[in-house]
Amino acid sequence: MLVLTRKVGESIQIGEDISIEVVAVEGDQIKIGIDAPRHVDIHRTEIYQQILEANRQASQTEHTIELLKNLKKD
């Protein structure tokens, strides 16, 4: 993991298209702004984990449905 120190108003560049700026520091919270192309998905980690889990469950459900359909054909 790369660890950088930035002050309010300073930013970090990721590749050519993504910039992350420290917008504010308030107590123990840091507000950041992310400038990225629209096709780049940006999520908080806990939300991203929920999306992955929902996709996993959906794929299992779809797989189960396909298995049941195939059983009916036999």
N, C-alpha and C. Protein backbone atom coordinates (compact mmCIF):
# COMPACT_ATOMS: atom_id res chain seq x y z
N MET A 1 0.84 -1.18 0.00
CA MET A 1 0.00 0.00 0.00
C MET A 1 0.89 1.24 0.00
N LEU A 2 0.57 2.16 -0.86
CA LEU A 2 1.26 3.43 -0.91
C LEU A 2 0.57 4.39 0.05
N VAL A 3 1.32 5.02 0.93
CA VAL A 3 0.76 5.98 1.88
C VAL A 3 1.37 7.35 1.58
N LEU A 4 0.50 8.33 1.33
CA LEU A 4 0.94 9.68 1.02
C LEU A 4 0.36 10.66 2.02
N THR A 5 1.05 11.75 2.24
CA THR A 5 0.55 12.82 3.09
C THR A 5 0.14 13.98 2.19
N ARG A 6 -1.06 14.47 2.38
CA ARG A 6 -1.58 15.58 1.59
C ARG A 6 -2.25 16.58 2.54
N LYS A 7 -2.27 17.82 2.15
CA LYS A 7 -2.96 18.87 2.90
C LYS A 7 -4.23 19.25 2.14
N VAL A 8 -5.12 19.98 2.81
CA VAL A 8 -6.34 20.44 2.16
C VAL A 8 -5.97 21.20 0.89
N GLY A 9 -6.64 20.86 -0.19
CA GLY A 9 -6.40 21.50 -1.47
C GLY A 9 -5.37 20.77 -2.33
N GLU A 10 -4.62 19.86 -1.73
CA GLU A 10 -3.64 19.08 -2.49
C GLU A 10 -4.32 17.82 -3.02
N SER A 11 -3.75 17.27 -4.07
CA SER A 11 -4.39 16.11 -4.70
C SER A 11 -3.39 15.03 -5.04
N ILE A 12 -3.94 13.92 -5.48
CA ILE A 12 -3.17 12.76 -5.92
C ILE A 12 -3.69 12.41 -7.31
N GLN A 13 -2.81 12.13 -8.23
CA GLN A 13 -3.19 11.77 -9.59
C GLN A 13 -3.00 10.27 -9.78
N ILE A 14 -4.02 9.61 -10.31
CA ILE A 14 -3.96 8.18 -10.63
C ILE A 14 -4.12 8.05 -12.13
N GLY A 15 -3.06 7.65 -12.79
CA GLY A 15 -3.10 7.58 -14.24
C GLY A 15 -3.36 8.96 -14.83
N GLU A 16 -3.93 8.99 -16.02
CA GLU A 16 -4.21 10.26 -16.69
C GLU A 16 -5.58 10.81 -16.34
N ASP A 17 -6.48 9.94 -15.87
CA ASP A 17 -7.89 10.31 -15.79
C ASP A 17 -8.47 10.51 -14.39
N ILE A 18 -7.75 10.10 -13.36
CA ILE A 18 -8.34 10.13 -12.02
C ILE A 18 -7.52 11.02 -11.10
N SER A 19 -8.22 11.95 -10.45
CA SER A 19 -7.59 12.84 -9.49
C SER A 19 -8.37 12.79 -8.19
N ILE A 20 -7.66 12.69 -7.07
CA ILE A 20 -8.28 12.66 -5.75
C ILE A 20 -7.74 13.84 -4.97
N GLU A 21 -8.66 14.71 -4.50
CA GLU A 21 -8.26 15.92 -3.78
C GLU A 21 -8.77 15.90 -2.36
N VAL A 22 -7.93 16.32 -1.43
CA VAL A 22 -8.36 16.49 -0.04
C VAL A 22 -9.15 17.80 0.00
N VAL A 23 -10.44 17.71 0.30
CA VAL A 23 -11.31 18.88 0.30
C VAL A 23 -11.38 19.53 1.67
N ALA A 24 -11.45 18.70 2.72
CA ALA A 24 -11.56 19.25 4.07
C ALA A 24 -11.15 18.20 5.09
N VAL A 25 -10.70 18.68 6.23
CA VAL A 25 -10.42 17.83 7.37
C VAL A 25 -11.22 18.40 8.54
N GLU A 26 -12.12 17.59 9.07
CA GLU A 26 -12.99 18.03 10.17
C GLU A 26 -12.93 16.99 11.28
N GLY A 27 -12.18 17.27 12.31
CA GLY A 27 -12.02 16.31 13.40
C GLY A 27 -11.32 15.07 12.90
N ASP A 28 -11.98 13.91 13.07
CA ASP A 28 -11.38 12.65 12.63
C ASP A 28 -11.88 12.22 11.25
N GLN A 29 -12.55 13.14 10.53
CA GLN A 29 -13.04 12.82 9.19
C GLN A 29 -12.30 13.63 8.14
N ILE A 30 -12.07 13.01 7.02
CA ILE A 30 -11.44 13.67 5.89
C ILE A 30 -12.41 13.61 4.72
N LYS A 31 -12.66 14.75 4.10
CA LYS A 31 -13.52 14.78 2.92
C LYS A 31 -12.63 14.84 1.70
N ILE A 32 -12.91 13.93 0.76
CA ILE A 32 -12.12 13.90 -0.46
C ILE A 32 -13.04 14.08 -1.66
N GLY A 33 -12.50 14.66 -2.70
CA GLY A 33 -13.21 14.79 -3.96
C GLY A 33 -12.51 13.93 -4.99
N ILE A 34 -13.28 13.23 -5.80
CA ILE A 34 -12.72 12.34 -6.80
C ILE A 34 -13.20 12.80 -8.17
N ASP A 35 -12.26 13.09 -9.04
CA ASP A 35 -12.56 13.47 -10.41
C ASP A 35 -12.13 12.31 -11.31
N ALA A 36 -13.12 11.66 -11.92
CA ALA A 36 -12.84 10.48 -12.75
C ALA A 36 -13.84 10.44 -13.89
N PRO A 37 -13.50 9.75 -14.97
CA PRO A 37 -14.45 9.60 -16.07
C PRO A 37 -15.73 8.89 -15.61
N ARG A 38 -16.82 9.16 -16.30
CA ARG A 38 -18.12 8.57 -15.91
C ARG A 38 -18.12 7.04 -15.94
N HIS A 39 -17.30 6.45 -16.80
CA HIS A 39 -17.31 4.98 -16.92
C HIS A 39 -16.59 4.30 -15.75
N VAL A 40 -15.93 5.06 -14.89
CA VAL A 40 -15.23 4.50 -13.75
C VAL A 40 -16.18 4.46 -12.55
N ASP A 41 -16.46 3.26 -12.06
CA ASP A 41 -17.33 3.12 -10.88
C ASP A 41 -16.54 3.47 -9.63
N ILE A 42 -17.15 4.27 -8.75
CA ILE A 42 -16.51 4.66 -7.50
C ILE A 42 -17.51 4.37 -6.38
N HIS A 43 -17.10 3.56 -5.42
CA HIS A 43 -17.96 3.19 -4.30
C HIS A 43 -17.15 3.19 -3.01
N ARG A 44 -17.82 3.44 -1.90
CA ARG A 44 -17.19 3.19 -0.61
C ARG A 44 -16.99 1.68 -0.51
N THR A 45 -15.95 1.25 0.17
CA THR A 45 -15.61 -0.18 0.22
C THR A 45 -16.77 -1.03 0.74
N GLU A 46 -17.45 -0.57 1.79
CA GLU A 46 -18.54 -1.38 2.35
C GLU A 46 -19.69 -1.53 1.36
N ILE A 47 -19.94 -0.52 0.54
CA ILE A 47 -20.98 -0.61 -0.49
C ILE A 47 -20.51 -1.55 -1.60
N TYR A 48 -19.26 -1.45 -1.99
CA TYR A 48 -18.70 -2.32 -3.03
C TYR A 48 -18.80 -3.79 -2.60
N GLN A 49 -18.52 -4.07 -1.34
CA GLN A 49 -18.62 -5.44 -0.83
C GLN A 49 -20.07 -5.93 -0.91
N GLN A 50 -21.03 -5.06 -0.61
CA GLN A 50 -22.45 -5.43 -0.71
C GLN A 50 -22.84 -5.73 -2.16
N ILE A 51 -22.32 -4.94 -3.08
CA ILE A 51 -22.60 -5.16 -4.51
C ILE A 51 -22.05 -6.52 -4.93
N LEU A 52 -20.80 -6.82 -4.53
CA LEU A 52 -20.21 -8.12 -4.87
C LEU A 52 -21.02 -9.27 -4.31
N GLU A 53 -21.48 -9.14 -3.07
CA GLU A 53 -22.27 -10.20 -2.44
C GLU A 53 -23.61 -10.37 -3.16
N ALA A 54 -24.27 -9.26 -3.49
CA ALA A 54 -25.54 -9.33 -4.21
C ALA A 54 -25.35 -9.98 -5.57
N ASN A 55 -24.26 -9.65 -6.26
CA ASN A 55 -23.97 -10.27 -7.55
C ASN A 55 -23.70 -11.76 -7.40
N ARG A 56 -22.98 -12.13 -6.34
CA ARG A 56 -22.70 -13.54 -6.10
C ARG A 56 -24.00 -14.31 -5.87
N GLN A 57 -24.87 -13.75 -5.04
CA GLN A 57 -26.15 -14.41 -4.75
C GLN A 57 -27.01 -14.50 -6.00
N ALA A 58 -27.02 -13.44 -6.79
CA ALA A 58 -27.82 -13.44 -8.02
C ALA A 58 -27.30 -14.49 -8.99
N SER A 59 -25.99 -14.62 -9.10
CA SER A 59 -25.44 -15.61 -10.03
C SER A 59 -25.76 -17.02 -9.57
N GLN A 60 -25.75 -17.24 -8.26
CA GLN A 60 -26.11 -18.57 -7.76
C GLN A 60 -27.58 -18.86 -8.03
N THR A 61 -28.43 -17.85 -7.85
CA THR A 61 -29.86 -18.02 -8.11
C THR A 61 -30.10 -18.31 -9.59
N GLU A 62 -29.43 -17.55 -10.47
CA GLU A 62 -29.58 -17.78 -11.90
C GLU A 62 -29.08 -19.17 -12.28
N HIS A 63 -27.99 -19.60 -11.66
CA HIS A 63 -27.45 -20.93 -11.94
C HIS A 63 -28.44 -21.99 -11.48
N THR A 64 -29.05 -21.81 -10.32
CA THR A 64 -30.03 -22.76 -9.81
C THR A 64 -31.24 -22.83 -10.72
N ILE A 65 -31.70 -21.68 -11.21
CA ILE A 65 -32.85 -21.65 -12.12
C ILE A 65 -32.53 -22.41 -13.40
N GLU A 66 -31.33 -22.20 -13.94
CA GLU A 66 -30.92 -22.91 -15.15
C GLU A 66 -30.87 -24.42 -14.91
N LEU A 67 -30.36 -24.82 -13.75
CA LEU A 67 -30.31 -26.25 -13.42
C LEU A 67 -31.73 -26.83 -13.36
N LEU A 68 -32.64 -26.10 -12.73
CA LEU A 68 -34.02 -26.58 -12.62
C LEU A 68 -34.68 -26.66 -14.00
N LYS A 69 -34.43 -25.68 -14.85
CA LYS A 69 -34.98 -25.71 -16.21
C LYS A 69 -34.45 -26.93 -16.96
N ASN A 70 -33.18 -27.23 -16.81
CA ASN A 70 -32.58 -28.37 -17.48
C ASN A 70 -33.15 -29.69 -16.95
N LEU A 71 -33.47 -29.75 -15.65
CA LEU A 71 -34.07 -30.95 -15.10
C LEU A 71 -35.45 -31.20 -15.70
N LYS A 72 -36.22 -30.14 -15.91
CA LYS A 72 -37.56 -30.28 -16.47
C LYS A 72 -37.50 -30.80 -17.90
N LYS A 73 -36.44 -30.48 -18.62
CA LYS A 73 -36.30 -30.92 -20.01
C LYS A 73 -36.04 -32.43 -20.09
N ASP A 74 -35.43 -32.98 -19.06
CA ASP A 74 -35.06 -34.40 -19.09
C ASP A 74 -36.22 -35.29 -18.84
